[in-house]
Protein backbone atom coordinates (compact mmCIF):
# COMPACT_ATOMS: atom_id res chain seq x y z
CA MET A 1 0.00 0.00 0.00
CA SER A 2 1.29 3.48 -0.90
CA TYR A 3 1.80 6.08 1.79
CA VAL A 4 -0.58 9.07 1.56
CA GLU A 5 0.12 12.26 3.48
CA LEU A 6 -3.23 13.12 5.07
CA HIS A 7 -2.22 16.15 7.13
CA ALA A 8 -0.65 19.02 5.21
CA CYS A 9 -1.19 22.76 5.67
CA SER A 10 -0.71 25.44 3.02
CA ALA A 11 0.05 29.14 3.30
CA PHE A 12 -3.74 29.64 3.40
CA SER A 13 -3.42 28.78 7.08
CA PHE A 14 -2.19 32.40 7.23
CA LEU A 15 1.24 32.63 8.85
CA ARG A 16 1.13 29.02 10.08
CA ALA A 17 2.48 27.29 6.96
CA ALA A 18 4.87 28.33 4.23
CA SER A 19 3.94 26.82 0.84
CA PHE A 20 1.31 27.49 -1.78
CA PRO A 21 -1.17 24.64 -2.37
CA GLU A 22 0.31 24.33 -5.87
CA GLN A 23 3.77 23.73 -4.41
CA LEU A 24 2.47 20.99 -2.15
CA ALA A 25 0.74 19.29 -5.09
CA GLU A 26 3.86 19.55 -7.25
CA VAL A 27 6.14 18.01 -4.62
CA ALA A 28 3.59 15.27 -3.86
CA ALA A 29 3.64 14.41 -7.57
CA GLU A 30 7.44 14.28 -7.51
CA LEU A 31 7.16 11.80 -4.63
CA SER A 32 4.59 9.72 -6.59
CA MET A 33 1.87 10.11 -3.98
CA PRO A 34 -1.56 9.01 -5.25
CA ALA A 35 -3.40 11.53 -3.05
CA LEU A 36 -2.75 14.36 -0.60
CA GLY A 37 -4.81 15.82 2.23
CA LEU A 38 -4.93 19.60 2.79
CA LEU A 39 -6.01 20.75 6.26
CA ASP A 40 -5.66 24.51 6.62
CA ARG A 41 -6.30 26.19 9.96
CA ASN A 42 -9.88 27.26 10.62
CA GLY A 43 -10.95 27.27 6.98
CA VAL A 44 -10.88 25.73 3.54
CA TYR A 45 -9.45 28.85 1.93
CA GLY A 46 -6.86 27.00 -0.14
CA ALA A 47 -9.06 24.05 -1.08
CA GLN A 48 -10.12 25.26 -4.52
CA ARG A 49 -6.60 26.11 -5.69
CA PHE A 50 -5.31 22.88 -4.20
CA SER A 51 -7.98 20.79 -5.93
CA VAL A 52 -7.20 22.29 -9.33
CA ALA A 53 -3.43 21.93 -8.88
CA ALA A 54 -3.67 18.38 -7.57
CA ARG A 55 -5.80 17.19 -10.49
CA GLU A 56 -3.32 18.77 -12.90
CA GLN A 57 -0.62 16.69 -11.22
CA ASN A 58 -2.78 13.51 -11.35
CA ILE A 59 -3.10 13.53 -7.57
CA ARG A 60 -6.43 13.03 -5.86
CA PRO A 61 -7.13 16.04 -3.61
CA ILE A 62 -8.46 15.35 -0.12
CA ILE A 63 -10.01 18.26 1.78
CA GLY A 64 -10.04 18.83 5.52
CA CYS A 65 -9.40 21.43 8.20
CA GLU A 66 -7.55 22.02 11.45
CA LEU A 67 -10.25 23.18 13.85
CA GLU A 68 -9.17 25.42 16.69
CA MET A 69 -11.29 24.40 19.65
CA GLU A 70 -12.63 26.54 22.47
CA ASP A 71 -9.90 25.34 24.87
CA GLY A 72 -7.10 26.14 22.41
CA SER A 73 -6.48 22.58 21.26
CA ILE A 74 -6.43 21.62 17.59
CA LEU A 75 -8.75 19.00 16.10
CA PRO A 76 -7.85 17.90 12.55
CA VAL A 77 -10.78 16.62 10.49
CA LEU A 78 -11.04 15.22 6.96
CA VAL A 79 -14.06 15.39 4.66
CA GLU A 80 -15.39 12.00 3.57
CA ASN A 81 -18.36 13.03 1.42
CA ARG A 82 -20.64 15.89 0.40
CA THR A 83 -22.48 15.79 3.74
CA GLY A 84 -19.18 16.13 5.56
CA TYR A 85 -18.20 19.19 3.54
CA LYS A 86 -21.57 20.81 4.26
CA ASN A 87 -21.20 20.08 7.96
CA LEU A 88 -17.64 21.40 8.05
CA CYS A 89 -18.68 24.67 6.37
CA GLU A 90 -21.59 25.14 8.77
CA LEU A 91 -19.41 24.36 11.79
CA LEU A 92 -16.77 26.87 10.68
CA THR A 93 -19.40 29.50 9.90
CA GLN A 94 -20.88 29.27 13.39
CA ALA A 95 -17.45 29.47 15.00
CA HIS A 96 -16.37 32.50 12.95
CA LEU A 97 -19.64 34.41 13.37
CA ARG A 98 -19.60 34.34 17.16
CA ASN A 99 -15.95 35.42 17.46
CA GLU A 100 -14.16 38.63 16.61
CA LYS A 101 -12.51 39.00 13.22
CA GLY A 102 -9.59 36.65 12.78
CA LYS A 103 -10.64 34.39 15.66
CA CYS A 104 -12.33 31.01 15.52
CA ALA A 105 -13.24 28.71 18.38
CA VAL A 106 -15.29 25.57 17.80
CA ARG A 107 -17.21 24.27 20.81
CA TRP A 108 -16.77 20.65 21.75
CA GLY A 109 -20.48 20.36 22.37
CA GLU A 110 -21.17 21.21 18.71
CA LEU A 111 -19.28 18.26 17.27
CA PRO A 112 -22.04 15.61 17.44
CA GLN A 113 -24.39 17.85 15.43
CA PHE A 114 -21.88 18.30 12.60
CA ALA A 115 -19.83 15.10 12.75
CA GLU A 116 -21.55 13.16 9.97
CA GLY A 117 -19.31 12.76 6.95
CA LEU A 118 -16.18 13.84 8.83
CA ILE A 119 -13.15 11.91 10.05
CA GLY A 120 -11.50 13.09 13.29
CA PHE A 121 -7.86 12.73 14.34
CA LEU A 122 -6.94 12.15 17.96
CA GLY A 123 -3.44 12.92 19.11
CA SER A 124 -1.82 15.43 16.77
CA ALA A 125 -2.24 18.38 19.14
CA ARG A 126 0.03 16.57 21.58
CA VAL A 127 2.89 16.77 19.11
CA PRO A 128 4.79 20.10 19.23
CA ARG A 129 3.42 22.32 16.52
CA VAL A 130 5.08 25.16 14.69
CA GLY A 131 4.24 28.53 16.14
CA PHE A 132 3.07 27.22 19.48
CA GLY A 133 6.50 26.78 21.01
CA VAL A 134 8.57 23.68 21.51
CA PRO A 135 6.46 22.40 24.42
CA PRO A 136 3.28 20.92 22.95
CA LYS A 137 0.29 23.23 22.72
CA GLN A 138 -2.86 22.21 24.57
CA SER A 139 -3.16 18.49 24.02
CA PHE A 140 -6.06 16.16 23.61
CA LEU A 141 -5.42 14.93 27.15
CA LYS A 142 -7.87 17.20 28.95
CA THR A 143 -10.84 16.24 31.00
CA LYS A 144 -14.18 15.93 29.25
CA PHE A 145 -15.70 18.57 31.54
CA GLU A 146 -13.04 21.16 30.72
CA CYS A 147 -13.21 20.34 27.02
CA LEU A 148 -16.95 20.74 26.77
CA HIS A 149 -17.24 23.85 28.89
CA GLY A 150 -13.96 25.64 28.30
CA LYS A 151 -13.37 26.26 32.01
CA ARG A 152 -9.71 27.09 31.68
CA GLU A 153 -7.93 29.17 29.11
CA VAL A 154 -4.88 27.57 27.55
CA ARG A 155 -1.80 29.61 26.78
CA ASP A 156 0.28 29.11 23.66
CA GLY A 157 2.99 26.55 24.26
CA GLU A 158 1.32 25.12 27.34
CA ASP A 159 1.19 21.37 27.75
CA ALA A 160 -1.89 20.10 29.56
CA ILE A 161 -1.05 16.42 29.36
CA GLY A 162 -0.68 16.15 33.09
CA ARG A 163 -3.79 18.03 34.26
CA SER A 164 -6.44 16.13 36.09
CA ARG A 165 -9.83 16.98 37.51
CA THR A 166 -8.10 18.20 40.67
CA GLY A 167 -5.27 19.83 38.76
CA ILE A 168 -2.55 18.30 41.00
CA CYS A 169 -1.67 14.91 39.48
CA THR A 170 1.56 14.34 37.59
CA ARG A 171 1.83 14.28 33.82
CA ASP A 172 2.46 10.55 33.52
CA ALA A 173 -0.03 9.51 36.17
CA CYS A 174 -2.92 11.37 34.59
CA ALA A 175 -2.15 10.99 30.90
CA THR A 176 -3.94 7.69 30.45
CA ARG A 177 -7.13 8.77 32.23
CA ASN A 178 -7.45 12.12 30.47
CA SER A 179 -6.69 10.73 27.02
CA ALA A 180 -9.37 8.12 27.62
CA ASP A 181 -11.87 10.92 28.29
CA ARG A 182 -10.98 12.60 25.03
CA ALA A 183 -11.12 9.36 23.08
CA GLU A 184 -14.60 8.64 24.42
CA LEU A 185 -15.73 12.16 23.51
CA LEU A 186 -14.58 11.82 19.91
CA ILE A 187 -15.91 8.28 19.53
CA ASP A 188 -19.31 9.44 20.78
CA ALA A 189 -19.30 12.34 18.30
CA PHE A 190 -17.83 10.75 15.15
CA GLY A 191 -18.27 7.01 15.66
CA ARG A 192 -15.42 4.59 16.33
CA GLU A 193 -14.74 3.88 12.66
CA ASN A 194 -14.33 7.63 12.01
CA VAL A 195 -11.72 8.35 14.69
CA PHE A 196 -8.03 7.73 14.04
CA VAL A 197 -5.12 8.10 16.41
CA GLU A 198 -2.56 10.27 14.61
CA ILE A 199 1.14 9.62 15.17
CA GLN A 200 3.83 12.07 14.07
CA ARG A 201 7.59 11.67 14.37
CA HIS A 202 9.77 14.75 14.02
CA LEU A 203 12.85 13.55 15.94
CA LEU A 204 12.03 15.66 18.99
CA ARG A 205 12.94 14.94 22.59
CA GLY A 206 10.06 13.39 24.53
CA GLU A 207 8.09 12.67 21.39
CA GLU A 208 8.31 8.88 21.62
CA ARG A 209 6.94 8.72 25.15
CA ILE A 210 3.85 10.58 23.95
CA ASN A 211 3.58 8.36 20.89
CA ARG A 212 3.72 5.22 23.03
CA GLN A 213 0.81 6.56 25.07
CA LEU A 214 -1.11 7.17 21.87
CA VAL A 215 -0.46 3.65 20.60
CA ASP A 216 -1.65 2.21 23.93
CA LEU A 217 -4.73 4.42 23.71
CA ALA A 218 -5.51 3.17 20.21
CA ARG A 219 -5.28 -0.45 21.30
CA ALA A 220 -7.41 0.13 24.39
CA TYR A 221 -10.22 1.74 22.37
CA ARG A 222 -9.82 -0.37 19.23
CA LEU A 223 -8.91 2.67 17.13
CA SER A 224 -6.73 2.62 14.02
CA ILE A 225 -3.42 4.46 14.11
CA LEU A 226 -2.37 6.76 11.30
CA ALA A 227 1.05 8.09 10.37
CA THR A 228 1.26 11.70 9.22
CA ASN A 229 4.04 14.26 9.09
CA GLY A 230 1.98 17.35 9.94
CA VAL A 231 3.37 19.04 6.84
CA GLN A 232 3.75 22.83 6.95
CA TYR A 233 6.06 23.40 4.00
CA ALA A 234 6.67 21.47 0.81
CA LYS A 235 10.46 21.18 1.14
CA PRO A 236 12.85 21.59 4.10
CA TYR A 237 13.92 25.13 3.20
CA GLY A 238 10.37 26.27 3.96
CA ARG A 239 11.31 26.21 7.63
CA GLU A 240 13.00 29.62 7.24
CA VAL A 241 9.79 31.19 5.99
CA LEU A 242 7.75 29.54 8.74
CA ASP A 243 10.08 30.90 11.42
CA VAL A 244 9.65 34.41 10.01
CA PHE A 245 5.87 33.92 10.01
CA THR A 246 6.05 32.84 13.65
CA CYS A 247 7.91 36.04 14.50
CA ILE A 248 5.26 38.07 12.68
CA ARG A 249 2.43 36.39 14.59
CA LYS A 250 4.20 36.69 17.94
CA HIS A 251 5.47 40.25 17.34
CA THR A 252 9.09 39.34 17.96
CA TYR A 253 12.25 38.80 15.93
CA LEU A 254 14.39 35.77 15.21
CA ASP A 255 17.11 36.62 17.73
CA ALA A 256 14.59 36.73 20.56
CA ALA A 257 12.06 34.11 19.47
CA GLY A 258 13.87 31.20 21.13
CA LYS A 259 11.63 28.21 21.72
CA LEU A 260 8.82 29.72 19.71
CA LEU A 261 10.73 28.59 16.63
CA THR A 262 10.95 25.09 15.21
CA GLN A 263 13.72 22.76 16.33
CA ASN A 264 14.33 21.22 12.93
CA SER A 265 13.10 21.06 9.34
CA GLU A 266 11.19 17.78 9.52
CA ARG A 267 7.70 19.07 8.67
CA HIS A 268 8.06 18.74 4.91
CA LEU A 269 6.51 16.28 2.48
CA LYS A 270 8.40 13.01 2.81
CA SER A 271 8.62 10.05 0.48
CA GLU A 272 7.03 6.70 1.16
CA ARG A 273 10.47 5.26 1.82
CA GLU A 274 11.25 7.91 4.44
CA MET A 275 7.94 7.46 6.20
CA ARG A 276 8.19 3.68 6.20
CA GLU A 277 11.63 3.96 7.77
CA LEU A 278 10.31 6.35 10.44
CA PHE A 279 7.42 3.98 11.22
CA ARG A 280 9.16 0.65 10.67
CA ASP A 281 7.87 -0.50 14.08
CA LEU A 282 4.29 0.52 13.17
CA PRO A 283 3.75 -0.61 9.55
CA GLU A 284 -0.02 -0.52 10.02
CA ALA A 285 0.18 3.25 10.55
CA ILE A 286 1.49 3.59 7.00
CA LYS A 287 -0.94 1.07 5.53
CA ASN A 288 -3.92 2.83 7.13
CA THR A 289 -3.16 6.07 5.26
CA SER A 290 -3.96 4.36 1.97
CA HIS A 291 -7.06 2.62 3.37
CA LEU A 292 -8.44 5.89 4.74
CA ALA A 293 -7.63 7.83 1.57
CA LYS A 294 -9.78 5.42 -0.45
CA ARG A 295 -12.74 6.16 1.81
CA LEU A 296 -12.50 9.91 1.24
CA THR A 297 -14.48 10.27 -1.98
CA PHE A 298 -15.47 13.93 -1.74
CA ARG A 299 -14.55 16.16 -4.67
CA LEU A 300 -14.84 19.93 -4.68
CA GLU A 301 -17.16 19.86 -7.69
CA ASN A 302 -20.92 20.02 -8.18
CA LEU A 303 -21.62 21.21 -4.65
CA GLY A 304 -25.29 21.67 -5.47
CA TYR A 305 -25.19 25.45 -5.56
CA GLU A 306 -28.43 27.00 -6.82
CA PHE A 307 -28.84 30.60 -7.86
CA PRO A 308 -31.89 32.18 -6.17
CA GLU A 309 -35.16 31.87 -8.01
CA TYR A 310 -36.61 35.22 -9.04
CA PRO A 311 -40.28 35.66 -8.04
CA VAL A 312 -42.21 36.15 -11.29
CA PRO A 313 -45.85 37.13 -11.87
CA THR A 314 -48.51 34.42 -11.97
CA GLY A 315 -48.60 32.62 -15.29
CA HIS A 316 -44.91 33.22 -16.02
CA THR A 317 -41.75 31.21 -15.71
CA MET A 318 -38.43 32.98 -15.27
CA ASP A 319 -37.67 32.33 -18.95
CA SER A 320 -40.98 33.71 -20.20
CA PHE A 321 -40.83 36.74 -17.91
CA LEU A 322 -37.29 37.53 -19.05
CA CYS A 323 -38.44 37.37 -22.68
CA THR A 324 -41.35 39.71 -21.92
CA ILE A 325 -39.27 42.44 -20.28
CA VAL A 326 -36.46 42.12 -22.85
CA TRP A 327 -38.84 42.70 -25.78
CA PHE A 328 -40.48 45.56 -23.86
CA GLY A 329 -37.05 47.07 -23.27
CA ALA A 330 -36.17 46.64 -26.95
CA GLN A 331 -39.16 48.78 -27.85
CA GLN A 332 -37.85 51.51 -25.55
CA ARG A 333 -34.25 51.27 -26.79
CA TYR A 334 -34.86 51.10 -30.55
CA ASP A 335 -37.02 53.30 -32.73
CA ALA A 336 -37.72 50.17 -34.74
CA ILE A 337 -36.64 46.61 -34.04
CA SER A 338 -34.69 45.59 -37.11
CA THR A 339 -34.31 42.04 -38.37
CA LYS A 340 -30.71 42.06 -37.15
CA VAL A 341 -31.69 43.14 -33.63
CA LYS A 342 -34.53 40.62 -33.50
CA ARG A 343 -32.25 37.79 -34.58
CA GLN A 344 -29.60 38.78 -32.02
CA LEU A 345 -32.12 38.94 -29.17
CA GLU A 346 -33.66 35.60 -30.12
CA GLU A 347 -30.23 33.93 -30.21
CA GLU A 348 -29.20 35.39 -26.87
CA LEU A 349 -32.48 34.48 -25.17
CA ALA A 350 -32.31 30.94 -26.53
CA LEU A 351 -28.81 30.46 -25.10
CA ILE A 352 -29.77 32.00 -21.75
CA ARG A 353 -32.75 29.64 -21.59
CA LYS A 354 -30.59 26.64 -22.51
CA LEU A 355 -27.97 27.43 -19.86
CA GLY A 356 -30.57 28.18 -17.18
CA PHE A 357 -29.41 31.74 -16.53
CA ALA A 358 -32.76 33.58 -16.75
CA GLY A 359 -32.92 34.12 -12.97
CA TYR A 360 -29.46 35.66 -12.99
CA PHE A 361 -30.41 38.32 -15.54
CA LEU A 362 -33.70 39.02 -13.75
CA ILE A 363 -31.95 39.58 -10.42
CA VAL A 364 -29.38 41.94 -11.93
CA TRP A 365 -32.21 43.80 -13.71
CA ASP A 366 -34.07 44.07 -10.40
CA ILE A 367 -31.00 45.50 -8.61
CA ILE A 368 -30.62 48.07 -11.40
CA ASN A 369 -34.27 49.06 -10.94
CA PHE A 370 -33.83 49.41 -7.17
CA CYS A 371 -30.87 51.73 -7.68
CA ARG A 372 -32.72 53.95 -10.13
CA GLU A 373 -35.85 54.09 -7.98
CA HIS A 374 -33.68 55.32 -5.08
CA ASN A 375 -31.62 57.74 -7.17
CA ILE A 376 -28.44 55.68 -6.85
CA MET A 377 -26.10 55.88 -9.82
CA VAL A 378 -25.46 52.45 -11.32
CA GLN A 379 -23.86 51.24 -14.50
CA GLY A 380 -23.11 47.79 -15.87
CA ARG A 381 -19.70 47.40 -17.47
CA GLY A 382 -17.25 44.89 -18.86
CA SER A 383 -18.10 42.19 -21.37
CA ALA A 384 -21.80 42.50 -20.47
CA ALA A 385 -21.80 45.46 -22.90
CA ASN A 386 -21.57 42.86 -25.69
CA SER A 387 -25.08 41.61 -24.86
CA ALA A 388 -28.19 42.96 -26.53
CA VAL A 389 -30.27 41.44 -23.71
CA CYS A 390 -28.30 43.49 -21.15
CA TYR A 391 -28.79 46.59 -23.30
CA CYS A 392 -32.55 46.07 -23.49
CA LEU A 393 -32.76 45.40 -19.75
CA GLY A 394 -31.10 48.74 -19.07
CA ILE A 395 -28.04 47.11 -17.51
CA THR A 396 -25.60 48.58 -20.05
CA PRO A 397 -25.83 51.78 -22.15
CA VAL A 398 -24.09 50.62 -25.34
CA ASP A 399 -25.96 49.11 -28.28
CA PRO A 400 -23.89 46.02 -29.16
CA VAL A 401 -25.71 45.44 -32.45
CA SER A 402 -24.94 48.79 -34.06
CA ASN A 403 -21.41 48.68 -32.63
CA HIS A 404 -20.82 45.16 -33.96
CA LEU A 405 -19.78 43.72 -30.57
CA VAL A 406 -19.28 39.98 -30.17
CA PHE A 407 -21.81 38.42 -27.78
CA GLU A 408 -19.76 35.22 -27.40
CA ARG A 409 -17.10 37.18 -25.57
CA PHE A 410 -19.68 37.63 -22.79
CA LEU A 411 -21.53 34.31 -22.91
CA ASN A 412 -21.18 31.13 -24.91
CA GLU A 413 -22.20 27.51 -24.55
CA SER A 414 -18.72 26.30 -23.61
CA ARG A 415 -18.36 28.85 -20.82
CA LYS A 416 -17.94 27.37 -17.35
CA GLY A 417 -19.62 29.26 -14.56
CA TRP A 418 -22.02 32.16 -14.43
CA PRO A 419 -22.01 35.24 -16.67
CA ASP A 420 -19.99 38.17 -15.39
CA ILE A 421 -21.96 41.41 -15.03
CA ASP A 422 -20.15 44.04 -12.97
CA LEU A 423 -22.19 46.92 -11.59
CA ASP A 424 -20.41 50.19 -10.80
CA LEU A 425 -21.88 51.92 -7.75
CA PRO A 426 -20.84 55.06 -5.86
CA SER A 427 -18.83 54.49 -2.70
CA GLY A 428 -20.08 55.22 0.80
CA ASP A 429 -23.68 55.25 1.94
CA ARG A 430 -25.15 54.82 -1.54
CA ARG A 431 -23.31 51.54 -2.11
CA GLU A 432 -24.08 50.37 1.40
CA ALA A 433 -27.80 50.95 0.78
CA VAL A 434 -27.67 48.50 -2.13
CA VAL A 435 -25.71 45.95 -0.06
CA GLN A 436 -28.28 46.14 2.75
CA GLU A 437 -31.15 45.75 0.26
CA ILE A 438 -29.61 42.50 -0.98
CA TYR A 439 -29.27 41.29 2.61
CA ARG A 440 -32.92 42.20 3.19
CA ARG A 441 -34.07 40.22 0.14
CA TYR A 442 -32.01 37.06 0.61
CA GLY A 443 -31.51 37.00 4.37
CA LYS A 444 -28.38 36.73 6.50
CA HIS A 445 -27.96 33.06 5.56
CA GLY A 446 -28.50 33.57 1.83
CA ALA A 447 -26.22 36.53 1.13
CA ALA A 448 -22.70 37.49 2.16
CA MET A 449 -19.84 39.79 1.22
CA THR A 450 -16.99 38.01 -0.51
CA ALA A 451 -13.51 37.86 0.97
CA ASN A 452 -10.31 38.67 -0.81
CA VAL A 453 -6.85 37.40 0.06
CA ILE A 454 -4.27 40.05 0.99
CA SER A 455 -0.86 38.79 -0.14
CA TYR A 456 2.68 39.86 0.65
CA ARG A 457 3.95 42.37 -1.88
CA GLY A 458 7.07 44.48 -2.04
CA ARG A 459 6.61 46.87 0.85
CA SER A 460 4.85 44.51 3.26
CA ALA A 461 7.23 41.62 2.60
CA ALA A 462 10.33 43.80 2.99
CA ARG A 463 9.17 45.42 6.22
CA GLU A 464 8.07 42.17 7.87
CA ILE A 465 11.28 40.36 6.92
CA GLY A 466 13.34 43.33 8.08
CA LYS A 467 11.62 43.27 11.47
CA ALA A 468 12.16 39.53 11.83
CA LEU A 469 15.86 39.97 11.02
CA ASN A 470 16.02 42.79 13.61
CA PHE A 471 17.16 45.45 11.15
CA SER A 472 17.42 48.94 12.59
CA PRO A 473 14.51 51.39 12.23
CA SER A 474 16.53 53.46 9.77
CA ILE A 475 16.96 50.47 7.45
CA LEU A 476 13.24 49.66 7.72
CA ASP A 477 12.43 53.26 6.80
CA ARG A 478 14.59 52.97 3.71
CA PHE A 479 12.69 49.80 2.81
CA SER A 480 9.48 51.85 2.89
CA HIS A 481 10.96 54.55 0.66
CA LEU A 482 12.24 51.88 -1.70
CA PHE A 483 8.67 50.65 -2.10
CA ALA A 484 7.00 54.07 -2.04
CA ASN A 485 5.39 53.40 -5.41
CA GLY A 486 4.52 49.77 -4.81
CA ASP A 487 6.63 46.81 -5.83
CA PHE A 488 10.13 46.86 -7.22
CA PRO A 489 10.31 48.02 -10.85
CA HIS A 490 10.94 45.06 -13.12
CA THR A 491 13.84 46.76 -14.86
CA LEU A 492 16.38 45.86 -12.13
CA ASP A 493 16.86 42.76 -10.05
CA LEU A 494 16.30 42.79 -6.30
CA LYS A 495 19.95 43.15 -5.30
CA SER A 496 20.42 46.10 -7.65
CA GLN A 497 17.36 47.80 -6.22
CA ILE A 498 18.69 47.33 -2.69
CA GLU A 499 22.03 48.83 -3.70
CA GLN A 500 20.41 51.83 -5.40
CA ALA A 501 18.28 52.45 -2.32
CA GLY A 502 21.45 52.88 -0.30
CA LEU A 503 20.95 49.81 1.86
CA PRO A 504 24.14 48.22 3.23
CA LYS A 505 24.90 45.53 0.70
CA GLU A 506 27.60 44.17 2.99
CA HIS A 507 25.17 43.70 5.87
CA PRO A 508 25.66 40.09 7.07
CA ARG A 509 21.92 39.45 6.99
CA MET A 510 21.30 40.84 3.53
CA PRO A 511 21.64 37.40 1.83
CA ALA A 512 19.01 36.04 4.22
CA PHE A 513 16.78 39.02 3.47
CA VAL A 514 17.01 38.45 -0.29
CA ARG A 515 16.36 34.72 0.09
CA LEU A 516 13.36 35.25 2.37
CA TYR A 517 11.93 38.03 0.21
CA GLN A 518 11.92 35.76 -2.83
CA SER A 519 10.19 33.00 -0.82
CA ILE A 520 7.59 35.13 0.94
CA TYR A 521 6.60 37.43 -1.93
CA GLY A 522 3.05 36.59 -3.00
CA LEU A 523 2.19 34.32 -0.05
CA PRO A 524 -1.18 34.98 1.64
CA ARG A 525 -1.01 37.42 4.53
CA HIS A 526 -4.60 37.67 5.78
CA LEU A 527 -8.20 37.85 4.62
CA GLY A 528 -9.91 41.11 3.76
CA GLN A 529 -13.44 42.02 2.74
CA HIS A 530 -14.18 42.87 -0.86
CA SER A 531 -15.62 46.36 -1.14
CA GLY A 532 -18.58 45.35 -3.30
CA GLY A 533 -18.52 41.67 -4.16
CA MET A 534 -21.46 39.65 -2.86
CA ILE A 535 -22.58 36.05 -3.19
CA ILE A 536 -26.19 34.92 -2.94
CA CYS A 537 -27.83 31.52 -3.13
CA GLN A 538 -31.19 29.78 -2.96
CA ASN A 539 -30.60 28.12 0.40
CA LYS A 540 -27.97 28.53 3.14
CA LEU A 541 -24.61 29.76 1.91
CA SER A 542 -22.93 27.83 4.72
CA SER A 543 -23.76 24.62 2.85
CA PHE A 544 -21.18 25.57 0.20
CA VAL A 545 -18.80 28.09 1.76
CA HIS A 546 -18.03 29.27 5.26
CA GLY A 547 -17.88 32.64 6.92
């Protein structure tokens, strides 16, 4: 049986991993892996890019998530089927909505409600994790009462393996009892066949004693063990980037970070041969990765998304109503409807009907009408101007027939996805009034603002790396001036730009700066909110995406 890495994080874990999803897929292909599991922290932000890249590399993508729990521990889960993906999105949405921006805390008591279709891992939070310090972060060895009710806050880097109900027992004496509590909790929520004991080996002191406890736990509760490497970068050199990210998150610099940083570079994608050697005493842990991977059949395609149905007058369908208002609009737009215009409208309406997009055009038309009724300037733009239907609906102001514009540039039968009609609105209160009207119509569960990913560019990358390398404030200021107009010009290479900016080329850390800049440039930094992009659906958005 081939080894399958079922626990990898991408840079879409935001400062907790160091490689693009595409890099992970590429290296997995180099290692001849048949599949790869992506579990980003508190979201599935990288799942779409990962799925596309993995299929291009002939690797089967497996989707999951590292859930940050209310007590600070981490629960990795994998998606088995469509129901599991729906439940994961709804669980994440609830956790994000009740916390401040950038925070997510899943409640243990919620798991049974959303566990169907998910596979849970027991044990990985006991292994030291990047960014939480060398001592393990809050482990799975807490009491059931504390887990369910979050009675005690856990600090980063704290190891709770030895806490008991009284709080006074030793680590070794209490480990077995507390791990049993956690195992029972997860078995009750997910079912025994959907809980795996995860073992990781990163050549760290004290790691094997913890792993032996986990193996004993698995045997006591008849749970399968699973080998993973907790991947956080595609290749070993990614450790440098991850250490810088840790400094950014912890507001420190490399000289002072100490035990916050990783001890070695073991958290990269490893070959089957390397993993089999690491787990030569536990061959079943390797074999189980392939068995589990075969169970995980979910694909990030055909999620069942439905565009909202537009309410039409009695006696009409959406198709017939669209035809009615388009021909009415044509009479307003044209002094006389020529044969050419008639033929163009008939062709466009036939294609819209065939592709099932009538509701889309009706909703955009309705938004346009709302804006005009409330004296809000609005204008459709982009390739929608190539559509005679859009012109007759009042969405665009340009007659595509007389201007000989090509409709197929806007919409054609081979197009994947929905048509693209952009509406320009004024900023401020006027735009917000339209946003709130859409919320009013489709409800808080049926409409949402879209997110956009803020990535590291010239100025931000240079400043953050400079801080991590403990460059002086004067050097950091020169970085800012260097990037005053955005990124480096493409006419000179990075080293030449640094020299022209008057930075000390002989600085002993300048080679590290250049190397880190080239690695970090373009990586995701954080999520932002798009100023005007919205998504709406027929049912709950949390069945397809998460907040």
